[in-house]
Amino acid sequence: GASAGGVFTLTNSNITASSVILTNCEQGATGSSVNALVNNITAGACDILLTNVGGTTTGAATIKIHFLVI
């Protein structure tokens, strides 16, 4: 991709160490495509890794990350 994203910690009281967390990115920037991957799931939190896999930089584009804890 054109640039890498970053990592942030999602905290949510519904997350357990054995949870499955599904993510989806809603993005408005034309030509950008960002993936949100889940890592390091613990009780109450997980890490979300954002990666730009598109052909253009995301710049200051707003990207909404939807998630579901199972």
C-alpha atoms as a PDB file:
ATOM      1  CA  GLY A   1       0.000   0.000   0.000  1.00  0.00           C
ATOM      2  CA  ALA A   2       0.878   3.659  -0.121  1.00  0.00           C
ATOM      3  CA  SER A   3       1.392   4.012   3.632  1.00  0.00           C
ATOM      4  CA  ALA A   4       1.033   2.069   6.840  1.00  0.00           C
ATOM      5  CA  GLY A   5      -1.510   2.878   9.491  1.00  0.00           C
ATOM      6  CA  GLY A   6      -0.953   2.337  13.170  1.00  0.00           C
ATOM      7  CA  VAL A   7      -1.950   0.320  16.195  1.00  0.00           C
ATOM      8  CA  PHE A   8      -4.383   1.335  18.898  1.00  0.00           C
ATOM      9  CA  THR A   9      -5.982  -0.478  21.819  1.00  0.00           C
ATOM     10  CA  LEU A  10      -9.739  -1.046  21.819  1.00  0.00           C
ATOM     11  CA  THR A  11     -11.155  -1.404  25.323  1.00  0.00           C
ATOM     12  CA  ASN A  12     -14.570  -2.946  25.829  1.00  0.00           C
ATOM     13  CA  SER A  13     -15.965  -4.764  28.871  1.00  0.00           C
ATOM     14  CA  ASN A  14     -17.569  -7.423  26.621  1.00  0.00           C
ATOM     15  CA  ILE A  15     -14.188  -8.692  25.371  1.00  0.00           C
ATOM     16  CA  THR A  16     -12.847 -11.851  27.018  1.00  0.00           C
ATOM     17  CA  ALA A  17      -9.574 -13.653  26.316  1.00  0.00           C
ATOM     18  CA  SER A  18     -11.492 -16.191  24.193  1.00  0.00           C
ATOM     19  CA  SER A  19     -13.590 -13.646  22.245  1.00  0.00           C
ATOM     20  CA  VAL A  20     -13.728 -13.468  18.476  1.00  0.00           C
ATOM     21  CA  ILE A  21     -13.677  -9.863  17.271  1.00  0.00           C
ATOM     22  CA  LEU A  22     -14.789  -9.008  13.756  1.00  0.00           C
ATOM     23  CA  THR A  23     -13.851  -5.654  12.202  1.00  0.00           C
ATOM     24  CA  ASN A  24     -14.916  -3.702   9.147  1.00  0.00           C
ATOM     25  CA  CYS A  25     -13.672  -0.326   7.877  1.00  0.00           C
ATOM     26  CA  GLU A  26     -15.993   2.318   6.472  1.00  0.00           C
ATOM     27  CA  GLN A  27     -13.899   4.765   4.492  1.00  0.00           C
ATOM     28  CA  GLY A  28     -14.669   7.762   2.347  1.00  0.00           C
ATOM     29  CA  ALA A  29     -11.352   8.490   0.630  1.00  0.00           C
ATOM     30  CA  THR A  30     -11.423   7.502  -3.041  1.00  0.00           C
ATOM     31  CA  GLY A  31      -8.775   4.916  -3.909  1.00  0.00           C
ATOM     32  CA  SER A  32      -7.851   4.145  -0.327  1.00  0.00           C
ATOM     33  CA  SER A  33      -8.445   0.779   1.209  1.00  0.00           C
ATOM     34  CA  VAL A  34      -7.694   0.229   4.879  1.00  0.00           C
ATOM     35  CA  ASN A  35      -7.793  -3.090   6.711  1.00  0.00           C
ATOM     36  CA  ALA A  36      -8.300  -3.419  10.468  1.00  0.00           C
ATOM     37  CA  LEU A  37      -6.738  -6.553  11.957  1.00  0.00           C
ATOM     38  CA  VAL A  38      -7.229  -7.731  15.540  1.00  0.00           C
ATOM     39  CA  ASN A  39      -4.320  -8.853  17.720  1.00  0.00           C
ATOM     40  CA  ASN A  40      -3.472  -9.436  21.401  1.00  0.00           C
ATOM     41  CA  ILE A  41      -6.973 -10.224  22.696  1.00  0.00           C
ATOM     42  CA  THR A  42      -7.151 -10.079  26.497  1.00  0.00           C
ATOM     43  CA  ALA A  43      -9.933  -9.640  29.041  1.00  0.00           C
ATOM     44  CA  GLY A  44     -11.357  -6.181  28.344  1.00  0.00           C
ATOM     45  CA  ALA A  45      -9.150  -5.168  25.419  1.00  0.00           C
ATOM     46  CA  CYS A  46      -7.511  -5.970  22.093  1.00  0.00           C
ATOM     47  CA  ASP A  47      -5.151  -4.253  19.685  1.00  0.00           C
ATOM     48  CA  ILE A  48      -6.360  -3.055  16.273  1.00  0.00           C
ATOM     49  CA  LEU A  49      -3.748  -2.781  13.518  1.00  0.00           C
ATOM     50  CA  LEU A  50      -4.642  -0.464  10.626  1.00  0.00           C
ATOM     51  CA  THR A  51      -2.952  -1.079   7.281  1.00  0.00           C
ATOM     52  CA  ASN A  52      -3.440   0.867   4.053  1.00  0.00           C
ATOM     53  CA  VAL A  53      -3.621  -1.685   1.238  1.00  0.00           C
ATOM     54  CA  GLY A  54      -4.895   0.761  -1.383  1.00  0.00           C
ATOM     55  CA  GLY A  55      -3.091   2.586  -4.129  1.00  0.00           C
ATOM     56  CA  THR A  56      -3.259   6.067  -2.572  1.00  0.00           C
ATOM     57  CA  THR A  57      -2.434   7.606   0.770  1.00  0.00           C
ATOM     58  CA  THR A  58      -5.309   8.088   3.173  1.00  0.00           C
ATOM     59  CA  GLY A  59      -4.132  11.544   4.260  1.00  0.00           C
ATOM     60  CA  ALA A  60      -6.567  13.043   6.729  1.00  0.00           C
ATOM     61  CA  ALA A  61      -9.421  10.802   5.582  1.00  0.00           C
ATOM     62  CA  THR A  62     -11.920   9.756   8.223  1.00  0.00           C
ATOM     63  CA  ILE A  63     -12.119   5.996   8.627  1.00  0.00           C
ATOM     64  CA  LYS A  64     -14.816   4.480  10.822  1.00  0.00           C
ATOM     65  CA  ILE A  65     -14.040   1.084  12.318  1.00  0.00           C
ATOM     66  CA  HIS A  66     -17.007  -1.107  13.133  1.00  0.00           C
ATOM     67  CA  PHE A  67     -16.516  -4.095  15.412  1.00  0.00           C
ATOM     68  CA  LEU A  68     -18.467  -7.050  16.743  1.00  0.00           C
ATOM     69  CA  VAL A  69     -17.490  -9.057  19.819  1.00  0.00           C
ATOM     70  CA  ILE A  70     -18.537 -12.713  19.758  1.00  0.00           C
END
